[in-house]
Amino acid sequence: MRYRILTFIIGMACLSAHAQVKPQLVTTTENNNWVSSNAIAISKSGTAAITINPDDTLQTINGFGACFNELGWTSLKTLSAQNRNDIFKELFKPGAGANFTICRMPVGANDFSRDWYSYDETDGDFEMQHFSIANDEQTLIPFIKSAQQYNPRLQLWASPWSPPQWMKVNHHYAAAMYPAGSAQNNGLKPEQVGHEGTNMFIQQDNYFKAYAKYFSLFIDGYQKEGINIAMVMPQNEFNSAQVFPSCTWTAAGLARFISYLGPQMQKQNVKVFFGTMERADTKLADTILTSPLSRDYVKGIGFQWAGKGAIATIHQQYPNLTLYQSEQECGDGKNDWAYCKYTWELVKHYLGNGASAYMYWNLSLSKDGLSRWGWRQNSLVTVDTVNHTYQYNHEYYLLKHLSHFVQPGAKMLKTTGNLLAFKNPDNSLVIIVQNEAASPKTVTFKVGGDYVTATLAADSFSTILL
């Protein structure tokens, strides 16, 4: 049997301790989500192709979540209050559904904002006298508070896509022009275009100080709203010049800024991670982790997109460093089963190479999935803003198969075969496998002293509860 094509999720509570619980199999296929059955068996003897040792532990898992974007909130606002509450309960209430425990948010505008904005667009306001998070009172703050109603302990981290325009050498929120012939125009001129490997942020002491204060006031402003930010990253995708809010930096430039940002965040008990890192160049991380300007402040790294090519090496070189998958690749708005299966490959790659948290991107979008800057993307929830209805997409159920069972503080388990496995703080076990074959597969796992046999539906993700 070719277990290479299997990918399975087993949620187990210590077999011997929970022998009185009726075994249950939860399965998701392209046409049926979260279907329960009893098609499993447990015995003390048998023949197993895959052995899982609950004592062979790896990194600690911090949790799973998504990102709070403005267009996520505006899509959900078209639904009834009851429907919104049902969604937030499903996503965030502990033990209810996805059980999300850690989420991302932008500092100012990002590519899924209603439009460009920052918290201080007064040119030369180095003292931040005109700083204001008033824009977020309409969108991000109620969005986050709606989640907090169901999980008050939700962890949050934040990163900017662009500094205020007056802090950039091109004095514009974007860093790239639309392609020739495009129907859209962000107003950027050729001489304002940014380039990878350059610093678009003005590299001067007074600008660094002002930007560190900008972060500080952001933390304070949200704290006054009852929202605590636990960690920040200094720049989203610092190598990428985009048509939407963006800003290129060199790693050396970021090290300089972190020397200002780090002490300020320490005063406010906020961690600093390096990222988000969207290139496979490990030297970028090495620069930050070895520079005397930044090394004492950086407590982790966030990887996304092509950054997945660097996470394995960084994990080997810095085995005790906290690593996050900071943004899942976003798809094309089709939200189809094929991309769901690609998402599983991403999950395996990041968690299998040391990531302790996994963040989906768009929590919710309207039916067209279109950003303000013309990019169509996937989301966990799709809202029909005309008929005021919604649906959970395939990728939501895949992540739920993980996040519903893997508790914060769980330990990743070392395994053989094409699967993931975890040991929760309460000693329950979560093991992960997909049957990608076109027909059902019967599989036996040796877990401790027990043999667990399950029949997996064709082309499915499954969870066994014992």
Protein backbone atom coordinates (compact mmCIF):
# COMPACT_ATOMS: atom_id res chain seq x y z
CA MET A 1 0.00 0.00 0.00
CA ARG A 2 1.41 3.40 -0.93
CA TYR A 3 1.17 5.33 2.33
CA ARG A 4 3.10 8.12 0.61
CA ILE A 5 -0.21 9.35 -0.77
CA LEU A 6 -1.97 9.26 2.60
CA THR A 7 -2.39 12.32 4.75
CA PHE A 8 -4.64 11.71 7.79
CA ILE A 9 -5.78 13.55 10.88
CA ILE A 10 -6.38 11.53 14.01
CA GLY A 11 -7.53 13.27 17.16
CA MET A 12 -6.90 10.84 20.03
CA ALA A 13 -7.25 11.13 23.74
CA CYS A 14 -4.93 8.63 25.44
CA LEU A 15 -6.26 5.30 24.27
CA SER A 16 -6.06 3.51 27.60
CA ALA A 17 -7.38 6.45 29.59
CA HIS A 18 -10.33 7.01 27.26
CA ALA A 19 -11.25 3.43 26.41
CA GLN A 20 -14.82 4.14 27.51
CA VAL A 21 -15.27 6.74 24.73
CA LYS A 22 -16.98 5.40 21.64
CA PRO A 23 -14.52 5.60 18.74
CA GLN A 24 -15.52 8.11 16.09
CA LEU A 25 -14.18 8.97 12.67
CA VAL A 26 -14.64 12.51 11.32
CA THR A 27 -14.05 12.88 7.58
CA THR A 28 -14.02 15.71 5.06
CA THR A 29 -14.21 15.16 1.30
CA GLU A 30 -14.81 17.52 -1.58
CA ASN A 31 -18.58 17.01 -1.35
CA ASN A 32 -19.08 16.29 2.35
CA ASN A 33 -17.61 18.19 5.30
CA TRP A 34 -17.05 16.97 8.84
CA VAL A 35 -18.95 13.66 8.53
CA SER A 36 -18.88 11.33 11.55
CA SER A 37 -18.85 7.53 11.54
CA ASN A 38 -17.54 4.62 13.63
CA ALA A 39 -15.33 3.01 11.00
CA ILE A 40 -12.33 2.46 13.29
CA ALA A 41 -11.06 -0.36 15.52
CA ILE A 42 -8.56 -0.55 18.41
CA SER A 43 -6.67 -3.67 19.47
CA LYS A 44 -3.55 -4.68 21.40
CA SER A 45 -2.04 -6.60 18.50
CA GLY A 46 -1.82 -6.28 14.76
CA THR A 47 0.38 -5.25 11.87
CA ALA A 48 1.01 -1.53 11.43
CA ALA A 49 2.65 0.27 8.55
CA ILE A 50 3.14 3.46 10.60
CA THR A 51 4.41 3.72 14.18
CA ILE A 52 3.96 6.83 16.31
CA ASN A 53 5.93 7.27 19.51
CA PRO A 54 4.13 9.76 21.83
CA ASP A 55 7.40 10.44 23.65
CA ASP A 56 9.42 11.49 20.58
CA THR A 57 8.61 15.22 20.72
CA LEU A 58 9.75 18.21 18.64
CA GLN A 59 8.71 21.90 18.70
CA THR A 60 5.91 23.37 20.81
CA ILE A 61 2.83 24.51 18.89
CA ASN A 62 1.55 28.02 19.70
CA GLY A 63 -1.63 27.75 17.67
CA PHE A 64 -3.53 28.38 14.46
CA GLY A 65 -5.42 31.36 13.09
CA ALA A 66 -5.89 33.87 10.26
CA CYS A 67 -5.56 37.61 9.61
CA PHE A 68 -7.97 40.42 10.48
CA ASN A 69 -8.26 42.49 7.29
CA GLU A 70 -10.64 45.37 6.61
CA LEU A 71 -12.33 43.64 3.68
CA GLY A 72 -12.97 40.67 5.91
CA TRP A 73 -14.99 42.89 8.23
CA THR A 74 -16.87 44.72 5.48
CA SER A 75 -17.94 41.38 4.00
CA LEU A 76 -19.18 40.09 7.35
CA LYS A 77 -21.03 43.36 8.06
CA THR A 78 -23.46 42.56 5.22
CA LEU A 79 -24.72 39.56 7.19
CA SER A 80 -27.23 39.59 10.01
CA ALA A 81 -25.88 40.00 13.54
CA GLN A 82 -26.92 36.40 14.26
CA ASN A 83 -24.99 35.05 11.29
CA ARG A 84 -21.89 37.03 12.26
CA ASN A 85 -22.11 35.73 15.81
CA ASP A 86 -22.44 32.18 14.53
CA ILE A 87 -19.29 32.62 12.42
CA PHE A 88 -17.23 34.09 15.25
CA LYS A 89 -18.40 31.36 17.59
CA GLU A 90 -17.42 28.71 15.05
CA LEU A 91 -14.01 30.25 14.44
CA PHE A 92 -12.97 31.34 17.92
CA LYS A 93 -14.95 29.78 20.77
CA PRO A 94 -12.69 27.22 22.50
CA GLY A 95 -13.83 23.70 21.72
CA ALA A 96 -16.66 24.78 19.41
CA GLY A 97 -15.16 24.76 15.93
CA ALA A 98 -11.84 25.94 14.54
CA ASN A 99 -10.66 27.05 18.00
CA PHE A 100 -8.35 29.73 16.57
CA THR A 101 -5.94 31.01 19.21
CA ILE A 102 -3.43 33.27 17.41
CA CYS A 103 -4.11 35.81 14.66
CA ARG A 104 -2.38 38.47 12.64
CA MET A 105 -3.39 42.06 11.88
CA PRO A 106 -1.91 44.91 9.80
CA VAL A 107 -0.38 48.12 11.17
CA GLY A 108 -2.20 50.57 8.89
CA ALA A 109 -3.30 49.68 5.37
CA ASN A 110 -2.55 46.42 3.60
CA ASP A 111 -3.64 44.92 0.28
CA PHE A 112 -7.04 43.94 1.71
CA SER A 113 -7.85 47.34 3.18
CA ARG A 114 -10.69 49.51 1.93
CA ASP A 115 -8.06 51.96 0.64
CA TRP A 116 -4.66 53.37 1.54
CA TYR A 117 -4.19 54.93 4.98
CA SER A 118 -1.68 55.16 7.80
CA TYR A 119 -1.97 56.40 11.38
CA ASP A 120 -0.09 59.64 10.72
CA GLU A 121 0.07 61.25 7.27
CA THR A 122 1.23 64.67 8.51
CA ASP A 123 4.54 65.25 6.77
CA GLY A 124 7.42 65.76 9.20
CA ASP A 125 5.41 64.89 12.31
CA PHE A 126 8.35 63.27 14.07
CA GLU A 127 6.67 63.66 17.47
CA MET A 128 3.57 61.83 16.20
CA GLN A 129 1.25 64.60 17.40
CA HIS A 130 -1.30 63.70 14.72
CA PHE A 131 -1.19 59.93 15.29
CA SER A 132 -4.66 58.35 15.27
CA ILE A 133 -6.17 54.87 14.92
CA ALA A 134 -9.62 56.38 14.20
CA ASN A 135 -9.84 54.53 10.86
CA ASP A 136 -9.59 51.18 12.65
CA GLU A 137 -12.52 52.02 14.93
CA GLN A 138 -14.74 51.35 11.90
CA THR A 139 -13.23 48.01 10.88
CA LEU A 140 -10.33 46.23 12.56
CA ILE A 141 -11.24 47.06 16.16
CA PRO A 142 -14.84 45.75 15.97
CA PHE A 143 -13.57 42.79 13.94
CA ILE A 144 -11.09 41.79 16.63
CA LYS A 145 -13.49 42.51 19.48
CA SER A 146 -16.07 40.23 17.86
CA ALA A 147 -13.51 37.43 18.01
CA GLN A 148 -12.51 38.30 21.57
CA GLN A 149 -16.10 37.87 22.71
CA TYR A 150 -15.63 34.16 22.13
CA ASN A 151 -11.92 33.90 22.96
CA PRO A 152 -10.73 36.69 25.30
CA ARG A 153 -7.28 35.05 25.38
CA LEU A 154 -6.78 35.31 21.62
CA GLN A 155 -3.14 36.21 20.85
CA LEU A 156 -2.45 38.95 18.31
CA TRP A 157 0.61 40.02 16.38
CA ALA A 158 0.97 42.82 13.85
CA SER A 159 3.12 44.08 10.98
CA PRO A 160 2.99 47.09 8.64
CA TRP A 161 2.78 46.81 4.86
CA SER A 162 3.99 50.40 4.47
CA PRO A 163 5.21 53.16 6.76
CA PRO A 164 3.55 56.59 6.47
CA GLN A 165 4.26 57.92 2.98
CA TRP A 166 6.39 60.81 4.22
CA MET A 167 8.84 58.36 5.81
CA LYS A 168 9.61 56.75 2.43
CA VAL A 169 12.03 57.95 -0.20
CA ASN A 170 9.31 57.84 -2.87
CA HIS A 171 6.63 59.51 -0.67
CA HIS A 172 4.04 57.01 -1.89
CA TYR A 173 2.30 54.06 -0.24
CA ALA A 174 3.09 51.71 -3.16
CA ALA A 175 6.41 50.49 -4.50
CA ALA A 176 5.47 49.26 -8.00
CA MET A 177 3.43 50.43 -10.97
CA TYR A 178 0.65 48.40 -12.56
CA PRO A 179 1.70 46.62 -15.76
CA ALA A 180 1.35 48.54 -19.01
CA GLY A 181 -2.20 48.31 -20.34
CA SER A 182 -3.75 47.68 -16.92
CA ALA A 183 -7.08 49.33 -16.25
CA GLN A 184 -5.85 50.27 -12.77
CA ASN A 185 -3.41 52.99 -11.78
CA ASN A 186 -2.09 53.68 -8.29
CA GLY A 187 -0.55 57.00 -9.36
CA LEU A 188 3.04 55.86 -8.91
CA LYS A 189 5.56 57.39 -11.33
CA PRO A 190 8.52 55.47 -12.83
CA GLU A 191 11.03 57.39 -10.71
CA GLN A 192 9.13 56.33 -7.55
CA VAL A 193 9.37 52.59 -8.16
CA GLY A 194 11.14 50.61 -5.45
CA HIS A 195 13.51 47.70 -5.95
CA GLU A 196 14.42 44.61 -3.97
CA GLY A 197 17.68 45.03 -2.07
CA THR A 198 17.16 48.76 -1.46
CA ASN A 199 15.87 50.77 1.49
CA MET A 200 12.71 52.68 0.64
CA PHE A 201 12.48 53.83 4.24
CA ILE A 202 14.54 56.97 4.86
CA GLN A 203 17.61 55.79 6.75
CA GLN A 204 17.99 58.65 9.19
CA ASP A 205 17.98 58.76 12.98
CA ASN A 206 14.94 61.04 13.34
CA TYR A 207 12.88 58.83 11.00
CA PHE A 208 13.84 55.65 12.86
CA LYS A 209 12.91 57.26 16.19
CA ALA A 210 9.60 58.51 14.82
CA TYR A 211 8.72 55.13 13.34
CA ALA A 212 9.52 53.33 16.61
CA LYS A 213 7.22 55.81 18.35
CA TYR A 214 4.58 55.08 15.68
CA PHE A 215 4.68 51.40 16.67
CA SER A 216 4.54 52.35 20.35
CA LEU A 217 1.45 54.52 19.90
CA PHE A 218 -0.18 51.76 17.88
CA ILE A 219 0.36 49.34 20.78
CA ASP A 220 -0.97 51.91 23.27
CA GLY A 221 -3.96 52.85 21.13
CA TYR A 222 -5.10 49.27 20.79
CA GLN A 223 -4.46 48.56 24.45
CA LYS A 224 -6.84 51.39 25.35
CA GLU A 225 -9.43 49.56 23.25
CA GLY A 226 -8.89 46.41 25.30
CA ILE A 227 -6.80 44.74 22.59
CA ASN A 228 -3.29 43.63 23.50
CA ILE A 229 -0.70 43.12 20.77
CA ALA A 230 1.80 40.47 21.89
CA MET A 231 4.33 40.70 19.04
CA VAL A 232 5.27 42.82 16.03
CA MET A 233 7.29 42.23 12.87
CA PRO A 234 8.88 45.37 11.38
CA GLN A 235 7.81 44.90 7.73
CA ASN A 236 5.61 42.63 5.66
CA GLU A 237 7.55 41.09 2.74
CA PHE A 238 10.45 43.51 2.90
CA ASN A 239 11.88 42.34 -0.43
CA SER A 240 8.71 42.90 -2.46
CA ALA A 241 7.83 46.08 -4.37
CA GLN A 242 4.06 45.87 -4.87
CA VAL A 243 1.28 47.95 -6.44
CA PHE A 244 -0.43 47.99 -3.03
CA PRO A 245 1.01 49.23 0.29
CA SER A 246 4.59 47.96 0.46
CA CYS A 247 8.13 49.02 1.30
CA THR A 248 11.42 47.36 0.45
CA TRP A 249 14.23 47.20 3.00
CA THR A 250 17.64 45.61 3.14
CA ALA A 251 18.27 43.26 6.05
CA ALA A 252 20.91 45.71 7.27
CA GLY A 253 18.37 48.53 7.13
CA LEU A 254 15.92 46.50 9.18
CA ALA A 255 18.65 45.69 11.69
CA ARG A 256 19.17 49.44 12.15
CA PHE A 257 15.47 50.03 12.65
CA ILE A 258 15.17 47.12 15.09
CA SER A 259 17.86 48.78 17.22
CA TYR A 260 15.29 51.58 17.77
CA LEU A 261 12.14 49.45 17.76
CA GLY A 262 13.45 46.71 20.06
CA PRO A 263 14.07 48.81 23.19
CA GLN A 264 10.68 50.52 22.82
CA MET A 265 8.85 47.22 22.46
CA GLN A 266 10.71 45.81 25.46
CA LYS A 267 9.33 48.67 27.58
CA GLN A 268 5.83 47.70 26.47
CA ASN A 269 6.37 43.95 26.93
CA VAL A 270 5.90 43.30 23.21
CA LYS A 271 8.10 40.79 21.38
CA VAL A 272 9.85 41.57 18.09
CA PHE A 273 10.16 38.95 15.35
CA PHE A 274 12.04 39.33 12.09
CA GLY A 275 9.82 39.29 9.05
CA THR A 276 7.82 38.68 7.27
CA MET A 277 10.37 36.81 5.17
CA GLU A 278 9.23 35.93 1.66
CA ARG A 279 12.55 34.87 0.14
CA ALA A 280 14.51 31.62 0.41
CA ASP A 281 17.72 33.51 1.20
CA THR A 282 18.85 32.42 4.67
CA LYS A 283 21.51 35.17 4.69
CA LEU A 284 18.74 37.71 5.25
CA ALA A 285 17.84 36.06 8.54
CA ASP A 286 21.48 35.53 9.47
CA THR A 287 22.09 39.27 9.09
CA ILE A 288 19.39 40.07 11.62
CA LEU A 289 20.26 37.25 14.02
CA THR A 290 23.98 38.06 14.11
CA SER A 291 23.99 41.87 13.88
CA PRO A 292 24.83 43.53 17.22
CA LEU A 293 22.14 46.08 16.37
CA SER A 294 19.27 43.59 16.30
CA ARG A 295 20.27 40.14 17.60
CA ASP A 296 19.33 40.80 21.24
CA TYR A 297 15.80 41.93 20.32
CA VAL A 298 14.65 39.37 17.74
CA LYS A 299 12.78 36.48 19.37
CA GLY A 300 11.57 34.70 16.24
CA ILE A 301 11.07 34.80 12.47
CA GLY A 302 7.95 34.75 10.29
CA PHE A 303 8.10 32.95 6.91
CA GLN A 304 5.66 33.11 4.02
CA TRP A 305 5.46 32.44 0.29
CA ALA A 306 8.98 31.72 -1.08
CA GLY A 307 10.30 32.08 2.46
CA LYS A 308 9.24 28.47 2.89
CA GLY A 309 12.47 27.61 1.09
CA ALA A 310 14.51 29.01 4.00
CA ILE A 311 12.67 27.69 7.04
CA ALA A 312 14.31 24.25 7.12
CA THR A 313 17.86 25.63 7.10
CA ILE A 314 17.08 28.34 9.65
CA HIS A 315 15.49 25.73 11.93
CA GLN A 316 18.62 23.60 11.67
CA GLN A 317 20.95 26.54 12.33
CA TYR A 318 18.84 28.05 15.13
CA PRO A 319 16.94 25.07 16.62
CA ASN A 320 15.68 27.02 19.66
CA LEU A 321 14.38 30.02 17.71
CA THR A 322 10.59 30.42 17.45
CA LEU A 323 9.43 30.17 13.84
CA TYR A 324 5.99 31.12 12.47
CA GLN A 325 4.30 30.49 9.19
CA SER A 326 3.04 34.07 8.96
CA GLU A 327 0.74 34.03 5.92
CA GLN A 328 -0.67 31.20 3.86
CA GLU A 329 -0.44 31.54 0.09
CA CYS A 330 -3.74 33.03 -0.97
CA GLY A 331 -5.06 31.16 -4.02
CA ASP A 332 -7.09 32.66 -6.85
CA GLY A 333 -10.53 33.15 -5.34
CA LYS A 334 -11.88 29.80 -6.57
CA ASN A 335 -11.64 28.19 -3.12
CA ASP A 336 -11.56 24.79 -4.80
CA TRP A 337 -10.63 21.32 -3.53
CA ALA A 338 -7.39 21.26 -5.51
CA TYR A 339 -6.09 24.31 -3.63
CA CYS A 340 -7.23 22.79 -0.35
CA LYS A 341 -4.94 19.85 -1.06
CA TYR A 342 -2.11 22.24 -1.91
CA THR A 343 -2.75 23.95 1.42
CA TRP A 344 -2.17 20.61 3.13
CA GLU A 345 1.25 20.41 1.47
CA LEU A 346 2.04 23.86 2.87
CA VAL A 347 0.89 22.87 6.35
CA LYS A 348 3.08 19.77 6.31
CA HIS A 349 6.08 21.73 5.04
CA TYR A 350 5.95 24.51 7.61
CA LEU A 351 5.07 22.42 10.67
CA GLY A 352 7.43 19.68 9.54
CA ASN A 353 10.28 22.20 9.45
CA GLY A 354 9.87 23.74 12.86
CA ALA A 355 7.01 26.27 12.60
CA SER A 356 5.11 26.64 15.87
CA ALA A 357 2.14 28.60 14.48
CA TYR A 358 0.23 28.52 11.21
CA MET A 359 -1.77 31.52 9.94
CA TYR A 360 -4.30 31.44 7.15
CA TRP A 361 -4.64 34.72 5.25
CA ASN A 362 -8.17 36.07 4.55
CA LEU A 363 -10.61 35.08 7.24
CA SER A 364 -13.60 36.26 5.18
CA LEU A 365 -14.18 37.88 1.78
CA SER A 366 -17.11 38.76 -0.41
CA LYS A 367 -18.03 36.34 -3.19
CA ASP A 368 -15.67 37.84 -5.79
CA GLY A 369 -12.71 37.64 -3.37
CA LEU A 370 -11.27 40.80 -4.91
CA SER A 371 -8.87 43.15 -3.16
CA ARG A 372 -8.96 46.94 -3.45
CA TRP A 373 -5.92 46.60 -5.73
CA GLY A 374 -7.41 43.95 -8.02
CA TRP A 375 -6.14 40.64 -6.64
CA ARG A 376 -8.70 37.80 -6.33
CA GLN A 377 -7.97 35.49 -3.38
CA ASN A 378 -9.29 32.61 -1.30
CA SER A 379 -10.81 32.92 2.16
CA LEU A 380 -12.03 30.67 4.95
CA VAL A 381 -15.52 32.16 4.70
CA THR A 382 -17.19 33.46 1.53
CA VAL A 383 -20.02 35.98 1.91
CA ASP A 384 -22.68 36.57 -0.72
CA THR A 385 -23.20 40.27 -0.05
CA VAL A 386 -26.29 40.42 -2.30
CA ASN A 387 -28.24 37.54 -0.79
CA HIS A 388 -26.70 37.98 2.68
CA THR A 389 -25.61 34.37 2.99
CA TYR A 390 -22.27 32.73 3.69
CA GLN A 391 -20.38 29.46 3.41
CA TYR A 392 -17.28 27.86 4.88
CA ASN A 393 -14.78 26.83 2.21
CA HIS A 394 -12.74 23.62 1.86
CA GLU A 395 -9.62 25.14 3.41
CA TYR A 396 -11.59 26.09 6.49
CA TYR A 397 -12.48 22.46 7.17
CA LEU A 398 -8.91 21.35 6.55
CA LEU A 399 -7.57 23.81 9.13
CA LYS A 400 -10.37 22.85 11.50
CA HIS A 401 -9.17 19.26 11.32
CA LEU A 402 -5.94 20.58 12.84
CA SER A 403 -6.90 23.56 14.98
CA HIS A 404 -9.91 21.95 16.63
CA PHE A 405 -7.72 19.21 18.12
CA VAL A 406 -4.17 20.57 18.46
CA GLN A 407 -4.06 22.62 21.64
CA PRO A 408 -1.67 25.55 22.28
CA GLY A 409 1.32 24.03 24.03
CA ALA A 410 1.07 20.77 22.10
CA LYS A 411 4.29 19.09 21.05
CA MET A 412 4.91 18.10 17.46
CA LEU A 413 5.83 14.40 17.29
CA LYS A 414 8.59 12.91 15.20
CA THR A 415 7.01 10.48 12.76
CA THR A 416 7.76 8.35 9.75
CA GLY A 417 5.49 8.33 6.74
CA ASN A 418 3.51 11.15 5.18
CA LEU A 419 1.70 12.49 8.25
CA LEU A 420 1.78 14.93 11.13
CA ALA A 421 1.31 14.07 14.80
CA PHE A 422 1.02 16.03 18.05
CA LYS A 423 0.87 15.41 21.77
CA ASN A 424 -1.37 17.85 23.64
CA PRO A 425 -0.68 19.19 27.14
CA ASP A 426 -3.39 16.85 28.46
CA ASN A 427 -1.49 13.92 26.85
CA SER A 428 -4.13 13.38 24.18
CA LEU A 429 -2.71 12.71 20.72
CA VAL A 430 -3.48 14.23 17.33
CA ILE A 431 -2.20 12.47 14.21
CA ILE A 432 -2.64 13.73 10.65
CA VAL A 433 -3.17 11.85 7.32
CA GLN A 434 -4.97 12.32 3.98
CA ASN A 435 -6.16 9.59 1.67
CA GLU A 436 -5.45 11.07 -1.72
CA ALA A 437 -6.36 7.89 -3.57
CA ALA A 438 -9.54 7.58 -5.62
CA SER A 439 -10.73 4.65 -3.48
CA PRO A 440 -11.02 4.03 0.28
CA LYS A 441 -7.94 2.89 2.19
CA THR A 442 -7.71 0.86 5.37
CA VAL A 443 -4.72 1.87 7.48
CA THR A 444 -3.34 0.59 10.79
CA PHE A 445 -1.23 2.78 13.09
CA LYS A 446 0.75 1.57 16.09
CA VAL A 447 0.36 4.26 18.74
CA GLY A 448 2.14 3.39 21.96
CA GLY A 449 0.88 -0.11 22.79
CA ASP A 450 -2.29 0.11 20.70
CA TYR A 451 -3.09 -0.67 17.09
CA VAL A 452 -5.60 1.72 15.52
CA THR A 453 -7.24 0.69 12.25
CA ALA A 454 -9.29 3.16 10.23
CA THR A 455 -10.92 3.06 6.83
CA LEU A 456 -10.36 6.39 5.11
CA ALA A 457 -12.81 7.62 2.50
CA ALA A 458 -11.54 8.23 -1.01
CA ASP A 459 -9.81 11.60 -1.52
CA SER A 460 -10.36 12.71 2.05
CA PHE A 461 -9.03 14.26 5.22
CA SER A 462 -10.08 12.49 8.42
CA THR A 463 -9.99 12.72 12.20
CA ILE A 464 -10.24 9.70 14.50
CA LEU A 465 -11.48 10.38 18.04
CA LEU A 466 -10.78 7.69 20.63
